[in-house]
Amino acid sequence: MTSRMTLALIAALAMAAPARAQQATLTPQDYLDIQQLVSKYAYAIDECTNRGYDYADLYVPDGAFLTSRGGKILNRFEGRERLAEAARGGMPDCKDVPWAGIVHMLVNHVIEPAPGGATGKVYLIAVGLDGEPGKVEAQGRYEDVYVKTPRGWRFKSRTHVLAASQQEVSRGSRPNPVK
């Protein structure tokens, strides 16, 4: 009887070991690389380089950027072409992006291991709104899914979750006066 119980215990432990081994973990280098990805995002959106394709290349080829308000997805930009379009603010090139002059600051970044990669969240603070260098606005947060690729960590998805009290975000340049 004792040997049967011992065998059952060994079998149960053996079956539990793979489950523990499969739990997602990240190395210290993974955390640093993901933080660098998020920092590169802010520069890519602010500077809109290479017609938005530098921004798009921070994502996996089928990656997606989404905007949401009140729990509803409002916009979805999926794939390299649509992501580059999102980086240009829907404009033909980068010179007319609606957030020209804004600096995106991403703060309080939290990264968690997840099956297949990692997830993260980070607050979005915009500086330089409406053409006023000192005007600052909290613009909600980003909720991210990251995956490790042969080219390093990339966004699988990034969702801009607008702050609950906001109907829209401010823009970079002062609107033209109505004549």
Foldseek 3Di string as FASTA:
>chain_A
DVVVVVVVVVVVVVVVVVVVVQFFDDDPVLVVLVVVLVVVLQVCLQVLPPLQQSNLVLADQQAWEFEDAPPDTDDIQTGRVSRSCVSCCVDRGNPDHQAHQKGWDWDDKDWATDRQGIKIKTWTKIAQFQNRRHDIDTFAMKIFDWHQDPVGIHTNYIYGYGPNPDPDDTTHHHDDDDD
